[in-house]
Amino acid sequence: MRGTKANDPAGITTQDPNLIKRLNPIAAGKLLSNYLKVMTLEAQTIARACGKSHLHNLEPEDLCALTIEAAAMAGVPLAGTTWIPGRDNANNTT
């Protein structure tokens, strides 16, 4: 294992016994479970807002970005356009 000078204050990825003692796996598991449930509910809400009956029915065409940076990073069009930053969109019109 490679050594590092960085500390993991939550004790999740550390080998330091003092930091490991601070991690309560039961509480951490509950927090993770809650986070995943909320993310699932939000994704389902987004799917319904796109007119889809199920999250699995979302298609790449349903995605758009709200900022130029997000559009470039995700490779999806900027909202309200067909323009994808960093790609040749000469044939696309808005």
PDB file of N, CA and C in Angstrom:
ATOM      1  N   MET A   1       0.845  -1.181   0.000  1.00  0.00           N
ATOM      2  CA  MET A   1       0.000   0.000   0.000  1.00  0.00           C
ATOM      3  C   MET A   1       0.886   1.237   0.000  1.00  0.00           C
ATOM      4  N   ARG A   2       0.502   2.196  -0.823  1.00  0.00           N
ATOM      5  CA  ARG A   2       1.249   3.438  -0.910  1.00  0.00           C
ATOM      6  C   ARG A   2       0.947   4.330   0.271  1.00  0.00           C
ATOM      7  N   GLY A   3       1.954   4.947   0.789  1.00  0.00           N
ATOM      8  CA  GLY A   3       1.758   5.884   1.892  1.00  0.00           C
ATOM      9  C   GLY A   3       1.292   7.227   1.382  1.00  0.00           C
ATOM     10  N   THR A   4       0.566   7.937   2.216  1.00  0.00           N
ATOM     11  CA  THR A   4       0.100   9.270   1.862  1.00  0.00           C
ATOM     12  C   THR A   4       0.119  10.145   3.100  1.00  0.00           C
ATOM     13  N   LYS A   5       0.261  11.424   2.880  1.00  0.00           N
ATOM     14  CA  LYS A   5       0.253  12.361   3.999  1.00  0.00           C
ATOM     15  C   LYS A   5      -1.157  12.864   4.280  1.00  0.00           C
ATOM     16  N   ALA A   6      -2.086  12.564   3.384  1.00  0.00           N
ATOM     17  CA  ALA A   6      -3.461  13.036   3.566  1.00  0.00           C
ATOM     18  C   ALA A   6      -4.174  12.190   4.606  1.00  0.00           C
ATOM     19  N   ASN A   7      -5.016  12.829   5.389  1.00  0.00           N
ATOM     20  CA  ASN A   7      -5.826  12.124   6.382  1.00  0.00           C
ATOM     21  C   ASN A   7      -7.265  12.064   5.916  1.00  0.00           C
ATOM     22  N   ASP A   8      -7.920  10.997   6.288  1.00  0.00           N
ATOM     23  CA  ASP A   8      -9.342  10.837   6.031  1.00  0.00           C
ATOM     24  C   ASP A   8     -10.048  11.116   7.346  1.00  0.00           C
ATOM     25  N   PRO A   9     -10.612  12.314   7.525  1.00  0.00           N
ATOM     26  CA  PRO A   9     -11.180  12.684   8.819  1.00  0.00           C
ATOM     27  C   PRO A   9     -12.367  11.822   9.233  1.00  0.00           C
ATOM     28  N   ALA A  10     -13.032  11.181   8.279  1.00  0.00           N
ATOM     29  CA  ALA A  10     -14.166  10.328   8.638  1.00  0.00           C
ATOM     30  C   ALA A  10     -13.719   8.921   9.013  1.00  0.00           C
ATOM     31  N   GLY A  11     -12.480   8.568   8.707  1.00  0.00           N
ATOM     32  CA  GLY A  11     -11.977   7.246   9.054  1.00  0.00           C
ATOM     33  C   GLY A  11     -12.429   6.149   8.115  1.00  0.00           C
ATOM     34  N   ILE A  12     -12.959   6.513   6.958  1.00  0.00           N
ATOM     35  CA  ILE A  12     -13.502   5.519   6.037  1.00  0.00           C
ATOM     36  C   ILE A  12     -12.393   4.783   5.294  1.00  0.00           C
ATOM     37  N   THR A  13     -11.390   5.494   4.825  1.00  0.00           N
ATOM     38  CA  THR A  13     -10.341   4.874   4.015  1.00  0.00           C
ATOM     39  C   THR A  13      -8.991   4.892   4.702  1.00  0.00           C
ATOM     40  N   THR A  14      -8.981   5.067   5.967  1.00  0.00           N
ATOM     41  CA  THR A  14      -7.728   5.213   6.690  1.00  0.00           C
ATOM     42  C   THR A  14      -7.291   3.903   7.323  1.00  0.00           C
ATOM     43  N   GLN A  15      -6.042   3.820   7.647  1.00  0.00           N
ATOM     44  CA  GLN A  15      -5.504   2.702   8.416  1.00  0.00           C
ATOM     45  C   GLN A  15      -5.141   3.156   9.830  1.00  0.00           C
ATOM     46  N   ASP A  16      -5.366   4.434  10.109  1.00  0.00           N
ATOM     47  CA  ASP A  16      -5.048   5.000  11.415  1.00  0.00           C
ATOM     48  C   ASP A  16      -6.102   4.539  12.427  1.00  0.00           C
ATOM     49  N   PRO A  17      -5.705   3.770  13.441  1.00  0.00           N
ATOM     50  CA  PRO A  17      -6.668   3.241  14.416  1.00  0.00           C
ATOM     51  C   PRO A  17      -7.476   4.331  15.119  1.00  0.00           C
ATOM     52  N   ASN A  18      -6.873   5.478  15.373  1.00  0.00           N
ATOM     53  CA  ASN A  18      -7.601   6.564  16.040  1.00  0.00           C
ATOM     54  C   ASN A  18      -8.725   7.117  15.166  1.00  0.00           C
ATOM     55  N   LEU A  19      -8.484   7.190  13.865  1.00  0.00           N
ATOM     56  CA  LEU A  19      -9.523   7.671  12.962  1.00  0.00           C
ATOM     57  C   LEU A  19     -10.581   6.597  12.712  1.00  0.00           C
ATOM     58  N   ILE A  20     -10.156   5.341  12.656  1.00  0.00           N
ATOM     59  CA  ILE A  20     -11.098   4.242  12.445  1.00  0.00           C
ATOM     60  C   ILE A  20     -12.123   4.199  13.572  1.00  0.00           C
ATOM     61  N   LYS A  21     -11.701   4.491  14.787  1.00  0.00           N
ATOM     62  CA  LYS A  21     -12.603   4.458  15.942  1.00  0.00           C
ATOM     63  C   LYS A  21     -13.752   5.457  15.799  1.00  0.00           C
ATOM     64  N   ARG A  22     -13.528   6.525  15.038  1.00  0.00           N
ATOM     65  CA  ARG A  22     -14.543   7.571  14.897  1.00  0.00           C
ATOM     66  C   ARG A  22     -15.662   7.181  13.937  1.00  0.00           C
ATOM     67  N   LEU A  23     -15.449   6.142  13.135  1.00  0.00           N
ATOM     68  CA  LEU A  23     -16.454   5.746  12.157  1.00  0.00           C
ATOM     69  C   LEU A  23     -17.438   4.765  12.772  1.00  0.00           C
ATOM     70  N   ASN A  24     -18.696   5.127  12.756  1.00  0.00           N
ATOM     71  CA  ASN A  24     -19.763   4.240  13.213  1.00  0.00           C
ATOM     72  C   ASN A  24     -20.387   3.621  11.963  1.00  0.00           C
ATOM     73  N   PRO A  25     -20.085   2.347  11.664  1.00  0.00           N
ATOM     74  CA  PRO A  25     -20.564   1.761  10.412  1.00  0.00           C
ATOM     75  C   PRO A  25     -22.088   1.671  10.318  1.00  0.00           C
ATOM     76  N   ILE A  26     -22.766   1.502  11.447  1.00  0.00           N
ATOM     77  CA  ILE A  26     -24.229   1.437  11.418  1.00  0.00           C
ATOM     78  C   ILE A  26     -24.805   2.795  11.018  1.00  0.00           C
ATOM     79  N   ALA A  27     -24.337   3.851  11.672  1.00  0.00           N
ATOM     80  CA  ALA A  27     -24.819   5.199  11.350  1.00  0.00           C
ATOM     81  C   ALA A  27     -24.435   5.586   9.919  1.00  0.00           C
ATOM     82  N   ALA A  28     -23.211   5.247   9.512  1.00  0.00           N
ATOM     83  CA  ALA A  28     -22.762   5.575   8.158  1.00  0.00           C
ATOM     84  C   ALA A  28     -23.599   4.835   7.119  1.00  0.00           C
ATOM     85  N   GLY A  29     -23.950   3.589   7.408  1.00  0.00           N
ATOM     86  CA  GLY A  29     -24.794   2.819   6.499  1.00  0.00           C
ATOM     87  C   GLY A  29     -26.171   3.432   6.348  1.00  0.00           C
ATOM     88  N   LYS A  30     -26.728   3.931   7.452  1.00  0.00           N
ATOM     89  CA  LYS A  30     -28.039   4.581   7.400  1.00  0.00           C
ATOM     90  C   LYS A  30     -27.975   5.874   6.586  1.00  0.00           C
ATOM     91  N   LEU A  31     -26.897   6.635   6.773  1.00  0.00           N
ATOM     92  CA  LEU A  31     -26.735   7.869   6.001  1.00  0.00           C
ATOM     93  C   LEU A  31     -26.608   7.567   4.509  1.00  0.00           C
ATOM     94  N   LEU A  32     -25.837   6.541   4.173  1.00  0.00           N
ATOM     95  CA  LEU A  32     -25.671   6.162   2.769  1.00  0.00           C
ATOM     96  C   LEU A  32     -26.998   5.690   2.182  1.00  0.00           C
ATOM     97  N   SER A  33     -27.728   4.889   2.936  1.00  0.00           N
ATOM     98  CA  SER A  33     -29.031   4.406   2.480  1.00  0.00           C
ATOM     99  C   SER A  33     -29.977   5.570   2.208  1.00  0.00           C
ATOM    100  N   ASN A  34     -30.024   6.530   3.105  1.00  0.00           N
ATOM    101  CA  ASN A  34     -30.885   7.697   2.929  1.00  0.00           C
ATOM    102  C   ASN A  34     -30.474   8.498   1.700  1.00  0.00           C
ATOM    103  N   TYR A  35     -29.179   8.689   1.511  1.00  0.00           N
ATOM    104  CA  TYR A  35     -28.665   9.428   0.357  1.00  0.00           C
ATOM    105  C   TYR A  35     -29.096   8.749  -0.945  1.00  0.00           C
ATOM    106  N   LEU A  36     -28.938   7.428  -1.009  1.00  0.00           N
ATOM    107  CA  LEU A  36     -29.297   6.707  -2.225  1.00  0.00           C
ATOM    108  C   LEU A  36     -30.804   6.760  -2.491  1.00  0.00           C
ATOM    109  N   LYS A  37     -31.610   6.683  -1.438  1.00  0.00           N
ATOM    110  CA  LYS A  37     -33.068   6.781  -1.609  1.00  0.00           C
ATOM    111  C   LYS A  37     -33.460   8.148  -2.156  1.00  0.00           C
ATOM    112  N   VAL A  38     -32.868   9.204  -1.605  1.00  0.00           N
ATOM    113  CA  VAL A  38     -33.192  10.558  -2.056  1.00  0.00           C
ATOM    114  C   VAL A  38     -32.740  10.764  -3.499  1.00  0.00           C
ATOM    115  N   MET A  39     -31.556  10.279  -3.847  1.00  0.00           N
ATOM    116  CA  MET A  39     -31.071  10.414  -5.222  1.00  0.00           C
ATOM    117  C   MET A  39     -31.989   9.669  -6.192  1.00  0.00           C
ATOM    118  N   THR A  40     -32.469   8.500  -5.786  1.00  0.00           N
ATOM    119  CA  THR A  40     -33.397   7.733  -6.620  1.00  0.00           C
ATOM    120  C   THR A  40     -34.699   8.497  -6.824  1.00  0.00           C
ATOM    121  N   LEU A  41     -35.239   9.064  -5.744  1.00  0.00           N
ATOM    122  CA  LEU A  41     -36.475   9.843  -5.854  1.00  0.00           C
ATOM    123  C   LEU A  41     -36.296  11.054  -6.767  1.00  0.00           C
ATOM    124  N   GLU A  42     -35.162  11.727  -6.658  1.00  0.00           N
ATOM    125  CA  GLU A  42     -34.909  12.889  -7.509  1.00  0.00           C
ATOM    126  C   GLU A  42     -34.782  12.479  -8.973  1.00  0.00           C
ATOM    127  N   ALA A  43     -34.098  11.364  -9.235  1.00  0.00           N
ATOM    128  CA  ALA A  43     -33.957  10.885 -10.610  1.00  0.00           C
ATOM    129  C   ALA A  43     -35.315  10.489 -11.184  1.00  0.00           C
ATOM    130  N   GLN A  44     -36.165   9.859 -10.369  1.00  0.00           N
ATOM    131  CA  GLN A  44     -37.509   9.495 -10.825  1.00  0.00           C
ATOM    132  C   GLN A  44     -38.339  10.738 -11.125  1.00  0.00           C
ATOM    133  N   THR A  45     -38.185  11.776 -10.326  1.00  0.00           N
ATOM    134  CA  THR A  45     -38.900  13.030 -10.559  1.00  0.00           C
ATOM    135  C   THR A  45     -38.459  13.656 -11.877  1.00  0.00           C
ATOM    136  N   ILE A  46     -37.170  13.614 -12.145  1.00  0.00           N
ATOM    137  CA  ILE A  46     -36.646  14.152 -13.406  1.00  0.00           C
ATOM    138  C   ILE A  46     -37.207  13.363 -14.585  1.00  0.00           C
ATOM    139  N   ALA A  47     -37.250  12.040 -14.461  1.00  0.00           N
ATOM    140  CA  ALA A  47     -37.795  11.210 -15.538  1.00  0.00           C
ATOM    141  C   ALA A  47     -39.257  11.568 -15.807  1.00  0.00           C
ATOM    142  N   ARG A  48     -40.037  11.722 -14.747  1.00  0.00           N
ATOM    143  CA  ARG A  48     -41.447  12.088 -14.919  1.00  0.00           C
ATOM    144  C   ARG A  48     -41.578  13.476 -15.558  1.00  0.00           C
ATOM    145  N   ALA A  49     -40.692  14.394 -15.189  1.00  0.00           N
ATOM    146  CA  ALA A  49     -40.723  15.738 -15.779  1.00  0.00           C
ATOM    147  C   ALA A  49     -40.423  15.692 -17.277  1.00  0.00           C
ATOM    148  N   CYS A  50     -39.702  14.669 -17.702  1.00  0.00           N
ATOM    149  CA  CYS A  50     -39.399  14.481 -19.127  1.00  0.00           C
ATOM    150  C   CYS A  50     -40.495  13.699 -19.840  1.00  0.00           C
ATOM    151  N   GLY A  51     -41.563  13.358 -19.105  1.00  0.00           N
ATOM    152  CA  GLY A  51     -42.661  12.620 -19.709  1.00  0.00           C
ATOM    153  C   GLY A  51     -42.431  11.125 -19.782  1.00  0.00           C
ATOM    154  N   LYS A  52     -41.490  10.629 -19.021  1.00  0.00           N
ATOM    155  CA  LYS A  52     -41.176   9.198 -19.023  1.00  0.00           C
ATOM    156  C   LYS A  52     -41.855   8.526 -17.839  1.00  0.00           C
ATOM    157  N   SER A  53     -42.302   7.299 -18.042  1.00  0.00           N
ATOM    158  CA  SER A  53     -42.973   6.575 -16.963  1.00  0.00           C
ATOM    159  C   SER A  53     -41.991   5.894 -16.022  1.00  0.00           C
ATOM    160  N   HIS A  54     -40.752   5.726 -16.455  1.00  0.00           N
ATOM    161  CA  HIS A  54     -39.756   5.036 -15.635  1.00  0.00           C
ATOM    162  C   HIS A  54     -38.380   5.620 -15.917  1.00  0.00           C
ATOM    163  N   LEU A  55     -37.543   5.602 -14.928  1.00  0.00           N
ATOM    164  CA  LEU A  55     -36.186   6.138 -15.053  1.00  0.00           C
ATOM    165  C   LEU A  55     -35.418   5.472 -16.189  1.00  0.00           C
ATOM    166  N   HIS A  56     -35.650   4.173 -16.391  1.00  0.00           N
ATOM    167  CA  HIS A  56     -34.941   3.439 -17.445  1.00  0.00           C
ATOM    168  C   HIS A  56     -35.355   3.883 -18.847  1.00  0.00           C
ATOM    169  N   ASN A  57     -36.444   4.622 -18.952  1.00  0.00           N
ATOM    170  CA  ASN A  57     -36.914   5.084 -20.255  1.00  0.00           C
ATOM    171  C   ASN A  57     -36.252   6.383 -20.705  1.00  0.00           C
ATOM    172  N   LEU A  58     -35.421   6.971 -19.863  1.00  0.00           N
ATOM    173  CA  LEU A  58     -34.710   8.186 -20.273  1.00  0.00           C
ATOM    174  C   LEU A  58     -33.741   7.853 -21.397  1.00  0.00           C
ATOM    175  N   GLU A  59     -33.673   8.728 -22.378  1.00  0.00           N
ATOM    176  CA  GLU A  59     -32.784   8.569 -23.525  1.00  0.00           C
ATOM    177  C   GLU A  59     -31.778   9.712 -23.521  1.00  0.00           C
ATOM    178  N   PRO A  60     -30.650   9.539 -24.205  1.00  0.00           N
ATOM    179  CA  PRO A  60     -29.676  10.638 -24.287  1.00  0.00           C
ATOM    180  C   PRO A  60     -30.292  11.930 -24.824  1.00  0.00           C
ATOM    181  N   GLU A  61     -31.283  11.802 -25.697  1.00  0.00           N
ATOM    182  CA  GLU A  61     -31.935  12.982 -26.259  1.00  0.00           C
ATOM    183  C   GLU A  61     -32.718  13.771 -25.211  1.00  0.00           C
ATOM    184  N   ASP A  62     -33.008  13.147 -24.076  1.00  0.00           N
ATOM    185  CA  ASP A  62     -33.740  13.828 -23.006  1.00  0.00           C
ATOM    186  C   ASP A  62     -32.836  14.734 -22.176  1.00  0.00           C
ATOM    187  N   LEU A  63     -31.541  14.640 -22.377  1.00  0.00           N
ATOM    188  CA  LEU A  63     -30.591  15.380 -21.549  1.00  0.00           C
ATOM    189  C   LEU A  63     -30.190  16.692 -22.201  1.00  0.00           C
ATOM    190  N   CYS A  64     -30.007  17.710 -21.379  1.00  0.00           N
ATOM    191  CA  CYS A  64     -29.435  18.973 -21.821  1.00  0.00           C
ATOM    192  C   CYS A  64     -28.722  19.590 -20.626  1.00  0.00           C
ATOM    193  N   ALA A  65     -27.879  20.544 -20.894  1.00  0.00           N
ATOM    194  CA  ALA A  65     -27.107  21.196 -19.835  1.00  0.00           C
ATOM    195  C   ALA A  65     -27.561  22.639 -19.690  1.00  0.00           C
ATOM    196  N   LEU A  66     -27.408  23.160 -18.484  1.00  0.00           N
ATOM    197  CA  LEU A  66     -27.817  24.538 -18.214  1.00  0.00           C
ATOM    198  C   LEU A  66     -26.680  25.535 -18.359  1.00  0.00           C
ATOM    199  N   THR A  67     -25.441  25.045 -18.404  1.00  0.00           N
ATOM    200  CA  THR A  67     -24.293  25.937 -18.594  1.00  0.00           C
ATOM    201  C   THR A  67     -23.422  25.401 -19.723  1.00  0.00           C
ATOM    202  N   ILE A  68     -22.654  26.280 -20.323  1.00  0.00           N
ATOM    203  CA  ILE A  68     -21.745  25.868 -21.394  1.00  0.00           C
ATOM    204  C   ILE A  68     -20.740  24.848 -20.872  1.00  0.00           C
ATOM    205  N   GLU A  69     -20.239  25.075 -19.666  1.00  0.00           N
ATOM    206  CA  GLU A  69     -19.256  24.160 -19.088  1.00  0.00           C
ATOM    207  C   GLU A  69     -19.841  22.766 -18.905  1.00  0.00           C
ATOM    208  N   ALA A  70     -21.056  22.691 -18.375  1.00  0.00           N
ATOM    209  CA  ALA A  70     -21.697  21.391 -18.166  1.00  0.00           C
ATOM    210  C   ALA A  70     -21.969  20.706 -19.505  1.00  0.00           C
ATOM    211  N   ALA A  71     -22.379  21.477 -20.506  1.00  0.00           N
ATOM    212  CA  ALA A  71     -22.636  20.907 -21.828  1.00  0.00           C
ATOM    213  C   ALA A  71     -21.362  20.316 -22.421  1.00  0.00           C
ATOM    214  N   ALA A  72     -20.252  21.034 -22.275  1.00  0.00           N
ATOM    215  CA  ALA A  72     -18.981  20.548 -22.806  1.00  0.00           C
ATOM    216  C   ALA A  72     -18.515  19.291 -22.076  1.00  0.00           C
ATOM    217  N   MET A  73     -18.638  19.285 -20.762  1.00  0.00           N
ATOM    218  CA  MET A  73     -18.181  18.128 -19.986  1.00  0.00           C
ATOM    219  C   MET A  73     -19.045  16.899 -20.230  1.00  0.00           C
ATOM    220  N   ALA A  74     -20.350  17.080 -20.341  1.00  0.00           N
ATOM    221  CA  ALA A  74     -21.261  15.940 -20.486  1.00  0.00           C
ATOM    222  C   ALA A  74     -21.465  15.535 -21.944  1.00  0.00           C
ATOM    223  N   GLY A  75     -21.089  16.411 -22.862  1.00  0.00           N
ATOM    224  CA  GLY A  75     -21.293  16.105 -24.272  1.00  0.00           C
ATOM    225  C   GLY A  75     -22.757  16.117 -24.669  1.00  0.00           C
ATOM    226  N   VAL A  76     -23.526  16.993 -24.024  1.00  0.00           N
ATOM    227  CA  VAL A  76     -24.953  17.133 -24.337  1.00  0.00           C
ATOM    228  C   VAL A  76     -25.217  18.571 -24.753  1.00  0.00           C
ATOM    229  N   PRO A  77     -26.319  18.813 -25.458  1.00  0.00           N
ATOM    230  CA  PRO A  77     -26.596  20.176 -25.920  1.00  0.00           C
ATOM    231  C   PRO A  77     -26.891  21.141 -24.781  1.00  0.00           C
ATOM    232  N   LEU A  78     -26.593  22.388 -25.039  1.00  0.00           N
ATOM    233  CA  LEU A  78     -26.978  23.457 -24.130  1.00  0.00           C
ATOM    234  C   LEU A  78     -28.492  23.605 -24.219  1.00  0.00           C
ATOM    235  N   ALA A  79     -29.150  23.809 -23.096  1.00  0.00           N
ATOM    236  CA  ALA A  79     -30.615  23.889 -23.059  1.00  0.00           C
ATOM    237  C   ALA A  79     -31.135  24.897 -24.075  1.00  0.00           C
ATOM    238  N   GLY A  80     -32.148  24.507 -24.824  1.00  0.00           N
ATOM    239  CA  GLY A  80     -32.769  25.380 -25.807  1.00  0.00           C
ATOM    240  C   GLY A  80     -32.053  25.430 -27.140  1.00  0.00           C
ATOM    241  N   THR A  81     -30.979  24.651 -27.290  1.00  0.00           N
ATOM    242  CA  THR A  81     -30.221  24.634 -28.539  1.00  0.00           C
ATOM    243  C   THR A  81     -29.895  23.190 -28.907  1.00  0.00           C
ATOM    244  N   THR A  82     -29.261  23.037 -30.052  1.00  0.00           N
ATOM    245  CA  THR A  82     -28.693  21.739 -30.425  1.00  0.00           C
ATOM    246  C   THR A  82     -27.172  21.788 -30.349  1.00  0.00           C
ATOM    247  N   TRP A  83     -26.646  22.898 -29.848  1.00  0.00           N
ATOM    248  CA  TRP A  83     -25.207  23.128 -29.804  1.00  0.00           C
ATOM    249  C   TRP A  83     -24.561  22.377 -28.654  1.00  0.00           C
ATOM    250  N   ILE A  84     -23.531  21.609 -28.996  1.00  0.00           N
ATOM    251  CA  ILE A  84     -22.720  20.922 -27.994  1.00  0.00           C
ATOM    252  C   ILE A  84     -21.325  21.531 -28.062  1.00  0.00           C
ATOM    253  N   PRO A  85     -20.899  22.264 -27.048  1.00  0.00           N
ATOM    254  CA  PRO A  85     -19.586  22.912 -27.075  1.00  0.00           C
ATOM    255  C   PRO A  85     -18.467  21.901 -27.325  1.00  0.00           C
ATOM    256  N   GLY A  86     -17.550  22.277 -28.201  1.00  0.00           N
ATOM    257  CA  GLY A  86     -16.406  21.423 -28.498  1.00  0.00           C
ATOM    258  C   GLY A  86     -16.646  20.458 -29.643  1.00  0.00           C
ATOM    259  N   ARG A  87     -17.831  20.465 -30.198  1.00  0.00           N
ATOM    260  CA  ARG A  87     -18.141  19.594 -31.335  1.00  0.00           C
ATOM    261  C   ARG A  87     -18.489  20.456 -32.536  1.00  0.00           C
ATOM    262  N   ASP A  88     -18.265  19.899 -33.731  1.00  0.00           N
ATOM    263  CA  ASP A  88     -18.621  20.610 -34.955  1.00  0.00           C
ATOM    264  C   ASP A  88     -20.118  20.469 -35.172  1.00  0.00           C
ATOM    265  N   ASN A  89     -20.839  21.515 -34.918  1.00  0.00           N
ATOM    266  CA  ASN A  89     -22.293  21.498 -35.048  1.00  0.00           C
ATOM    267  C   ASN A  89     -22.744  22.353 -36.230  1.00  0.00           C
ATOM    268  N   ALA A  90     -21.948  22.385 -37.293  1.00  0.00           N
ATOM    269  CA  ALA A  90     -22.270  23.243 -38.428  1.00  0.00           C
ATOM    270  C   ALA A  90     -23.601  22.860 -39.068  1.00  0.00           C
ATOM    271  N   ASN A  91     -23.966  21.580 -39.005  1.00  0.00           N
ATOM    272  CA  ASN A  91     -25.205  21.132 -39.636  1.00  0.00           C
ATOM    273  C   ASN A  91     -26.415  21.277 -38.732  1.00  0.00           C
ATOM    274  N   ASN A  92     -26.199  21.563 -37.468  1.00  0.00           N
ATOM    275  CA  ASN A  92     -27.308  21.682 -36.521  1.00  0.00           C
ATOM    276  C   ASN A  92     -27.827  23.110 -36.488  1.00  0.00           C
ATOM    277  N   THR A  93     -29.123  23.241 -36.340  1.00  0.00           N
ATOM    278  CA  THR A  93     -29.720  24.564 -36.195  1.00  0.00           C
ATOM    279  C   THR A  93     -30.502  24.605 -34.904  1.00  0.00           C
ATOM    280  N   THR A  94     -30.725  25.808 -34.409  1.00  0.00           N
ATOM    281  CA  THR A  94     -31.470  25.947 -33.154  1.00  0.00           C
ATOM    282  C   THR A  94     -32.907  26.283 -33.417  1.00  0.00           C
TER     283      THR A  94
END
